[in-house]
Protein backbone atom coordinates (compact mmCIF):
# COMPACT_ATOMS: atom_id res chain seq x y z
CA UNK A 1 61.03 170.58 106.62
CA UNK A 2 62.19 170.63 103.00
CA UNK A 3 64.09 167.60 101.77
CA UNK A 4 67.25 169.43 100.70
CA UNK A 5 70.93 169.22 101.41
CA UNK A 6 70.87 172.80 102.77
CA UNK A 7 69.26 171.29 105.87
CA UNK A 8 72.12 168.83 106.44
CA UNK A 9 75.49 169.28 108.12
CA UNK A 10 78.35 166.79 108.00
CA UNK A 11 80.30 166.95 111.23
CA UNK A 12 83.87 165.74 110.72
CA UNK A 13 84.50 164.96 114.37
CA UNK A 14 84.77 161.24 115.04
CA UNK A 15 82.34 160.42 117.85
CA UNK A 16 80.43 157.42 119.15
CA UNK A 17 76.75 157.24 118.21
CA UNK A 18 75.52 158.64 121.55
CA UNK A 19 78.06 161.46 121.54
CA UNK A 20 77.25 162.28 117.91
CA UNK A 21 73.53 162.58 118.66
CA UNK A 22 74.32 164.86 121.59
CA UNK A 23 76.70 166.96 119.45
CA UNK A 24 73.89 167.54 116.92
CA UNK A 25 71.53 168.62 119.69
CA UNK A 26 74.11 171.10 120.98
CA UNK A 27 74.28 172.85 117.60
CA UNK A 28 71.03 174.62 118.41
CA UNK A 29 67.27 174.38 118.90
CA UNK A 30 65.66 171.82 116.61
CA UNK A 31 68.96 170.36 115.36
CA UNK A 32 69.06 166.56 115.42
CA UNK A 33 70.93 163.61 113.96
CA UNK A 34 69.62 162.74 110.50
CA UNK A 35 66.76 160.27 110.06
CA UNK A 36 66.39 158.82 106.56
CA UNK A 37 62.66 158.21 106.56
CA UNK A 38 61.97 157.88 102.83
CA UNK A 39 63.57 157.56 99.39
CA UNK A 40 63.58 161.35 98.85
CA UNK A 41 65.55 161.85 102.07
CA UNK A 42 67.91 159.00 101.10
CA UNK A 43 68.57 160.71 97.76
CA UNK A 44 69.12 164.08 99.45
CA UNK A 45 71.55 162.59 101.99
CA UNK A 46 73.38 160.66 99.26
CA UNK A 47 73.75 163.77 97.05
CA UNK A 48 74.88 165.85 100.01
CA UNK A 49 77.48 163.29 101.10
CA UNK A 50 78.75 162.80 97.55
CA UNK A 51 79.39 166.56 97.37
CA UNK A 52 80.99 166.66 100.81
CA UNK A 53 83.14 163.57 100.31
CA UNK A 54 85.03 165.09 97.37
CA UNK A 55 86.48 167.68 99.78
CA UNK A 56 89.92 166.73 101.19
CA UNK A 57 88.89 167.31 104.81
CA UNK A 58 86.27 164.56 104.50
CA UNK A 59 89.09 162.02 104.79
CA UNK A 60 88.37 162.27 108.54
CA UNK A 61 85.35 160.05 107.79
CA UNK A 62 87.43 157.29 106.19
CA UNK A 63 87.71 154.11 108.22
CA UNK A 64 90.83 152.15 107.34
CA UNK A 65 90.54 148.41 106.94
CA UNK A 66 86.85 148.63 106.03
CA UNK A 67 86.26 145.90 103.41
CA UNK A 68 83.96 148.07 101.28
CA UNK A 69 86.17 151.15 101.62
CA UNK A 70 84.90 154.66 101.55
CA UNK A 71 83.63 157.06 104.14
CA UNK A 72 81.20 156.28 106.94
CA UNK A 73 78.74 158.47 108.85
CA UNK A 74 76.32 157.90 111.70
CA UNK A 75 72.60 158.44 111.26
CA UNK A 76 70.01 158.41 114.05
CA UNK A 77 69.05 154.77 113.40
CA UNK A 78 69.30 152.48 116.42
CA UNK A 79 67.72 149.22 117.54
CA UNK A 80 64.59 149.71 119.62
CA UNK A 81 65.25 146.50 121.52
CA UNK A 82 68.90 145.30 121.45
CA UNK A 83 67.74 141.76 122.23
CA UNK A 84 65.91 141.58 118.87
CA UNK A 85 67.95 141.64 115.66
CA UNK A 86 66.90 144.19 113.09
CA UNK A 87 64.35 146.01 115.22
CA UNK A 88 65.46 149.51 114.13
CA UNK A 89 63.88 152.92 114.69
CA UNK A 90 65.08 156.48 114.14
CA UNK A 91 66.09 158.19 117.39
CA UNK A 92 67.07 161.70 116.26
CA UNK A 93 66.75 163.02 119.82
CA UNK A 94 66.62 161.22 123.19
CA UNK A 95 62.83 161.70 123.35
CA UNK A 96 61.93 161.09 119.71
CA UNK A 97 61.37 157.73 118.06
CA UNK A 98 60.26 157.18 114.47
CA UNK A 99 59.57 153.74 113.01
CA UNK A 100 61.44 152.56 109.92
CA UNK A 101 58.99 152.40 107.04
CA UNK A 102 61.71 152.84 104.40
CA UNK A 103 65.00 150.91 104.44
CA UNK A 104 68.17 150.89 102.34
CA UNK A 105 70.24 148.15 103.96
CA UNK A 106 73.29 146.79 102.20
CA UNK A 107 72.76 143.10 101.35
CA UNK A 108 73.36 140.95 104.45
CA UNK A 109 72.53 143.83 106.79
CA UNK A 110 71.58 144.27 109.50
CA UNK A 111 73.95 141.58 110.68
CA UNK A 112 73.33 142.19 114.40
CA UNK A 113 75.85 140.51 116.71
CA UNK A 114 76.13 143.46 119.10
CA UNK A 115 75.73 146.02 116.31
CA UNK A 116 72.86 148.33 117.23
CA UNK A 117 73.47 151.64 115.42
CA UNK A 118 72.99 152.59 111.77
CA UNK A 119 75.61 154.05 109.43
CA UNK A 120 75.63 155.16 105.81
CA UNK A 121 78.71 153.88 103.94
CA UNK A 122 79.86 155.49 100.69
CA UNK A 123 81.71 152.33 99.65
CA UNK A 124 78.40 150.43 99.80
CA UNK A 125 76.64 152.86 97.42
CA UNK A 126 75.39 154.88 100.40
CA UNK A 127 73.46 151.90 101.71
CA UNK A 128 73.04 151.21 105.39
CA UNK A 129 75.17 149.14 107.72
CA UNK A 130 74.67 148.25 111.36
CA UNK A 131 77.66 148.80 113.62
CA UNK A 132 78.71 148.79 117.26
CA UNK A 133 77.53 152.12 118.70
CA UNK A 134 80.87 152.84 120.38
CA UNK A 135 82.75 153.09 117.06
CA UNK A 136 83.82 156.68 116.48
CA UNK A 137 83.09 158.20 113.09
CA UNK A 138 81.66 161.32 111.45
CA UNK A 139 77.92 162.04 111.53
CA UNK A 140 75.19 164.03 109.81
CA UNK A 141 72.87 166.48 111.55
CA UNK A 142 69.61 167.98 110.26
CA UNK A 143 69.39 171.71 110.78
């Protein structure tokens, strides 16, 4: 699949991580929550979100009270084993699992403590943050 923003879709609904992954799957065959597996994909996702976040409707992705500010989206990153801190994999579909060979964590992340799902945060220069999976926010699908 080409590494381009034409293959990405920002969904402005605020859903938990599990519901977001399911919502991507329901968009059609082969659609899945985004997995940022390398620097080229990170750059493509960052460029895409920068373009989307200038649109007024993207304010749905803003989380008030967030220390770093900005907009937040779910990716398909999740801990493989919740009992082990930092043991993340990409889970773009319920049956798929891809190891993390590339990372772009914000300093001090992952912080664990019951936070098992991976977000991209614009206020942290589009770096990654771990968060409680039940938090409801926007998400990015790969089409």
